[in-house]
Amino acid sequence: MELLQLFVEDSQSHLEAAKTAIATNDFQQLLKESHHLKGASANVGATTMQQAAEQLEKLGHTQELQDTAKLVQDLEDFLHLIQVYLTDKLPN
């Protein structure tokens, strides 16, 4: 549970950085952040999130912004689901 909490906190900061990179057309930073999110997701077995981060990384490679907003939203939604799960499972 603690690992998942650390994953959520870490992923939120990298997701914010990815959003900034998208807003400023900084594709190198987008590559860095999406690659980190992909790897971290794989490490905790969050395959759906890993796949979305991988798609975001591919868009960074091709320097395309189309569909980035949806992928970022998917990643945010998934992190939210994990956070809700943790809130339900961890003692107050």
N, C-alpha and C. Protein backbone atom coordinates (compact mmCIF):
# COMPACT_ATOMS: atom_id res chain seq x y z
N MET A 1 0.82 -1.19 0.00
CA MET A 1 0.00 0.00 0.00
C MET A 1 0.87 1.26 0.00
N GLU A 2 1.95 1.20 0.79
CA GLU A 2 2.84 2.37 0.83
C GLU A 2 3.49 2.61 -0.53
N LEU A 3 3.86 1.53 -1.20
CA LEU A 3 4.46 1.64 -2.52
C LEU A 3 3.48 2.30 -3.49
N LEU A 4 2.23 1.89 -3.44
CA LEU A 4 1.22 2.51 -4.30
C LEU A 4 1.05 3.99 -3.99
N GLN A 5 1.07 4.35 -2.71
CA GLN A 5 0.95 5.76 -2.34
C GLN A 5 2.12 6.56 -2.89
N LEU A 6 3.32 6.03 -2.76
CA LEU A 6 4.50 6.69 -3.32
C LEU A 6 4.39 6.81 -4.84
N PHE A 7 3.89 5.76 -5.47
CA PHE A 7 3.69 5.76 -6.91
C PHE A 7 2.74 6.89 -7.32
N VAL A 8 1.63 7.04 -6.61
CA VAL A 8 0.66 8.08 -6.93
C VAL A 8 1.29 9.45 -6.78
N GLU A 9 1.96 9.68 -5.67
CA GLU A 9 2.58 10.99 -5.43
C GLU A 9 3.63 11.31 -6.50
N ASP A 10 4.48 10.35 -6.80
CA ASP A 10 5.52 10.53 -7.81
C ASP A 10 4.90 10.76 -9.19
N SER A 11 3.90 9.98 -9.51
CA SER A 11 3.28 10.07 -10.83
C SER A 11 2.55 11.40 -11.01
N GLN A 12 1.96 11.91 -9.96
CA GLN A 12 1.26 13.19 -10.06
C GLN A 12 2.23 14.30 -10.44
N SER A 13 3.41 14.30 -9.84
CA SER A 13 4.38 15.35 -10.17
C SER A 13 4.89 15.21 -11.61
N HIS A 14 5.10 13.98 -12.05
CA HIS A 14 5.56 13.76 -13.42
C HIS A 14 4.46 14.07 -14.43
N LEU A 15 3.23 13.81 -14.05
CA LEU A 15 2.11 14.13 -14.93
C LEU A 15 1.94 15.64 -15.07
N GLU A 16 2.12 16.36 -13.99
CA GLU A 16 2.08 17.83 -14.06
C GLU A 16 3.19 18.36 -14.95
N ALA A 17 4.36 17.78 -14.83
CA ALA A 17 5.49 18.19 -15.68
C ALA A 17 5.20 17.87 -17.15
N ALA A 18 4.55 16.75 -17.41
CA ALA A 18 4.18 16.39 -18.78
C ALA A 18 3.17 17.38 -19.34
N LYS A 19 2.22 17.79 -18.51
CA LYS A 19 1.22 18.78 -18.95
C LYS A 19 1.90 20.11 -19.29
N THR A 20 2.86 20.51 -18.49
CA THR A 20 3.61 21.73 -18.77
C THR A 20 4.39 21.58 -20.08
N ALA A 21 4.99 20.43 -20.27
CA ALA A 21 5.75 20.18 -21.50
C ALA A 21 4.84 20.26 -22.72
N ILE A 22 3.64 19.73 -22.61
CA ILE A 22 2.69 19.79 -23.72
C ILE A 22 2.31 21.25 -24.00
N ALA A 23 2.04 21.99 -22.94
CA ALA A 23 1.63 23.38 -23.09
C ALA A 23 2.71 24.25 -23.73
N THR A 24 3.97 23.88 -23.52
CA THR A 24 5.08 24.67 -24.05
C THR A 24 5.75 24.02 -25.26
N ASN A 25 5.14 22.96 -25.78
CA ASN A 25 5.69 22.22 -26.93
C ASN A 25 7.11 21.73 -26.67
N ASP A 26 7.39 21.34 -25.43
CA ASP A 26 8.70 20.83 -25.06
C ASP A 26 8.67 19.30 -25.18
N PHE A 27 8.93 18.84 -26.38
CA PHE A 27 8.80 17.41 -26.66
C PHE A 27 9.86 16.57 -25.95
N GLN A 28 11.05 17.13 -25.73
CA GLN A 28 12.07 16.39 -24.99
C GLN A 28 11.61 16.14 -23.56
N GLN A 29 11.04 17.15 -22.93
CA GLN A 29 10.54 16.98 -21.57
C GLN A 29 9.36 16.03 -21.55
N LEU A 30 8.50 16.12 -22.56
CA LEU A 30 7.36 15.19 -22.65
C LEU A 30 7.86 13.75 -22.75
N LEU A 31 8.89 13.54 -23.54
CA LEU A 31 9.48 12.20 -23.66
C LEU A 31 9.99 11.71 -22.31
N LYS A 32 10.69 12.57 -21.61
CA LYS A 32 11.26 12.21 -20.31
C LYS A 32 10.16 11.85 -19.31
N GLU A 33 9.14 12.69 -19.23
CA GLU A 33 8.08 12.47 -18.25
C GLU A 33 7.21 11.26 -18.60
N SER A 34 6.87 11.12 -19.87
CA SER A 34 6.04 9.98 -20.26
C SER A 34 6.80 8.67 -20.11
N HIS A 35 8.10 8.70 -20.39
CA HIS A 35 8.91 7.49 -20.21
C HIS A 35 8.96 7.09 -18.72
N HIS A 36 9.12 8.08 -17.86
CA HIS A 36 9.13 7.81 -16.42
C HIS A 36 7.78 7.22 -15.99
N LEU A 37 6.69 7.82 -16.44
CA LEU A 37 5.36 7.33 -16.08
C LEU A 37 5.15 5.90 -16.59
N LYS A 38 5.63 5.62 -17.78
CA LYS A 38 5.50 4.28 -18.35
C LYS A 38 6.24 3.26 -17.49
N GLY A 39 7.46 3.58 -17.12
CA GLY A 39 8.26 2.66 -16.31
C GLY A 39 7.71 2.46 -14.91
N ALA A 40 7.31 3.55 -14.28
CA ALA A 40 6.76 3.46 -12.93
C ALA A 40 5.47 2.65 -12.93
N SER A 41 4.65 2.86 -13.94
CA SER A 41 3.40 2.11 -14.05
C SER A 41 3.67 0.62 -14.22
N ALA A 42 4.65 0.30 -15.03
CA ALA A 42 5.01 -1.11 -15.24
C ALA A 42 5.50 -1.73 -13.94
N ASN A 43 6.25 -0.96 -13.17
CA ASN A 43 6.80 -1.48 -11.91
C ASN A 43 5.74 -1.85 -10.89
N VAL A 44 4.61 -1.16 -10.91
CA VAL A 44 3.54 -1.48 -9.95
C VAL A 44 2.42 -2.30 -10.58
N GLY A 45 2.59 -2.67 -11.84
CA GLY A 45 1.59 -3.51 -12.50
C GLY A 45 0.36 -2.77 -12.98
N ALA A 46 0.48 -1.46 -13.17
CA ALA A 46 -0.65 -0.65 -13.65
C ALA A 46 -0.59 -0.62 -15.17
N THR A 47 -0.99 -1.73 -15.78
CA THR A 47 -0.83 -1.88 -17.23
C THR A 47 -1.64 -0.89 -18.05
N THR A 48 -2.83 -0.58 -17.63
CA THR A 48 -3.64 0.39 -18.38
C THR A 48 -2.94 1.74 -18.40
N MET A 49 -2.42 2.13 -17.27
CA MET A 49 -1.70 3.39 -17.18
C MET A 49 -0.40 3.33 -17.98
N GLN A 50 0.27 2.20 -17.92
CA GLN A 50 1.50 2.02 -18.69
C GLN A 50 1.23 2.20 -20.18
N GLN A 51 0.14 1.64 -20.67
CA GLN A 51 -0.19 1.75 -22.09
C GLN A 51 -0.49 3.19 -22.49
N ALA A 52 -1.20 3.92 -21.63
CA ALA A 52 -1.48 5.33 -21.93
C ALA A 52 -0.19 6.14 -21.94
N ALA A 53 0.70 5.89 -20.99
CA ALA A 53 1.98 6.60 -20.94
C ALA A 53 2.83 6.25 -22.16
N GLU A 54 2.75 5.00 -22.60
CA GLU A 54 3.50 4.59 -23.79
C GLU A 54 2.98 5.33 -25.02
N GLN A 55 1.67 5.48 -25.14
CA GLN A 55 1.10 6.23 -26.26
C GLN A 55 1.54 7.69 -26.20
N LEU A 56 1.57 8.26 -25.00
CA LEU A 56 2.01 9.64 -24.83
C LEU A 56 3.48 9.78 -25.24
N GLU A 57 4.27 8.79 -24.87
CA GLU A 57 5.69 8.79 -25.24
C GLU A 57 5.84 8.74 -26.77
N LYS A 58 5.04 7.92 -27.42
CA LYS A 58 5.10 7.83 -28.89
C LYS A 58 4.76 9.17 -29.53
N LEU A 59 3.77 9.87 -28.97
CA LEU A 59 3.43 11.19 -29.50
C LEU A 59 4.58 12.17 -29.29
N GLY A 60 5.29 12.02 -28.20
CA GLY A 60 6.46 12.85 -27.97
C GLY A 60 7.54 12.60 -29.01
N HIS A 61 7.73 11.33 -29.36
CA HIS A 61 8.73 10.98 -30.37
C HIS A 61 8.38 11.59 -31.73
N THR A 62 7.10 11.56 -32.07
CA THR A 62 6.67 12.08 -33.38
C THR A 62 6.33 13.57 -33.32
N GLN A 63 6.49 14.15 -32.13
CA GLN A 63 6.21 15.57 -31.90
C GLN A 63 4.81 15.96 -32.34
N GLU A 64 3.85 15.16 -31.89
CA GLU A 64 2.44 15.41 -32.17
C GLU A 64 1.72 15.74 -30.86
N LEU A 65 0.87 16.74 -30.93
CA LEU A 65 0.10 17.12 -29.74
C LEU A 65 -1.32 16.56 -29.77
N GLN A 66 -1.77 16.14 -30.95
CA GLN A 66 -3.10 15.58 -31.06
C GLN A 66 -3.23 14.35 -30.17
N ASP A 67 -4.29 14.26 -29.43
CA ASP A 67 -4.60 13.15 -28.51
C ASP A 67 -3.85 13.22 -27.18
N THR A 68 -2.95 14.19 -27.01
CA THR A 68 -2.24 14.26 -25.73
C THR A 68 -3.19 14.60 -24.59
N ALA A 69 -4.16 15.47 -24.84
CA ALA A 69 -5.10 15.86 -23.77
C ALA A 69 -5.88 14.65 -23.27
N LYS A 70 -6.32 13.79 -24.19
CA LYS A 70 -7.07 12.60 -23.78
C LYS A 70 -6.20 11.64 -22.99
N LEU A 71 -4.97 11.45 -23.43
CA LEU A 71 -4.07 10.55 -22.73
C LEU A 71 -3.73 11.08 -21.33
N VAL A 72 -3.52 12.37 -21.22
CA VAL A 72 -3.26 12.96 -19.91
C VAL A 72 -4.48 12.77 -19.01
N GLN A 73 -5.67 12.98 -19.55
CA GLN A 73 -6.88 12.78 -18.77
C GLN A 73 -7.02 11.33 -18.34
N ASP A 74 -6.70 10.41 -19.23
CA ASP A 74 -6.74 8.98 -18.88
C ASP A 74 -5.78 8.68 -17.73
N LEU A 75 -4.58 9.24 -17.79
CA LEU A 75 -3.60 9.03 -16.73
C LEU A 75 -4.08 9.64 -15.41
N GLU A 76 -4.64 10.83 -15.47
CA GLU A 76 -5.17 11.46 -14.25
C GLU A 76 -6.31 10.64 -13.66
N ASP A 77 -7.19 10.15 -14.52
CA ASP A 77 -8.32 9.33 -14.05
C ASP A 77 -7.82 8.06 -13.37
N PHE A 78 -6.83 7.44 -13.96
CA PHE A 78 -6.30 6.21 -13.39
C PHE A 78 -5.65 6.47 -12.04
N LEU A 79 -4.88 7.55 -11.95
CA LEU A 79 -4.27 7.90 -10.66
C LEU A 79 -5.34 8.17 -9.61
N HIS A 80 -6.41 8.81 -10.04
CA HIS A 80 -7.51 9.08 -9.11
C HIS A 80 -8.11 7.76 -8.59
N LEU A 81 -8.29 6.81 -9.46
CA LEU A 81 -8.84 5.51 -9.05
C LEU A 81 -7.93 4.82 -8.03
N ILE A 82 -6.63 4.90 -8.24
CA ILE A 82 -5.70 4.30 -7.28
C ILE A 82 -5.79 5.03 -5.95
N GLN A 83 -5.89 6.36 -6.01
CA GLN A 83 -5.99 7.15 -4.78
C GLN A 83 -7.26 6.81 -4.00
N VAL A 84 -8.36 6.64 -4.70
CA VAL A 84 -9.62 6.25 -4.05
C VAL A 84 -9.46 4.87 -3.41
N TYR A 85 -8.84 3.95 -4.12
CA TYR A 85 -8.59 2.62 -3.58
C TYR A 85 -7.77 2.71 -2.29
N LEU A 86 -6.71 3.51 -2.34
CA LEU A 86 -5.85 3.66 -1.17
C LEU A 86 -6.59 4.29 0.00
N THR A 87 -7.41 5.26 -0.27
CA THR A 87 -8.20 5.92 0.77
C THR A 87 -9.13 4.92 1.45
N ASP A 88 -9.69 4.04 0.67
CA ASP A 88 -10.60 3.02 1.23
C ASP A 88 -9.85 1.96 2.03
N LYS A 89 -8.61 1.66 1.65
CA LYS A 89 -7.87 0.55 2.26
C LYS A 89 -6.99 0.96 3.43
N LEU A 90 -6.47 2.19 3.38
CA LEU A 90 -5.55 2.61 4.44
C LEU A 90 -6.30 3.14 5.66
N PRO A 91 -5.80 2.84 6.83
CA PRO A 91 -6.45 3.36 8.04
C PRO A 91 -6.30 4.88 8.11
N ASN A 92 -7.27 5.53 8.71
CA ASN A 92 -7.25 6.99 8.82
C ASN A 92 -6.24 7.46 9.84
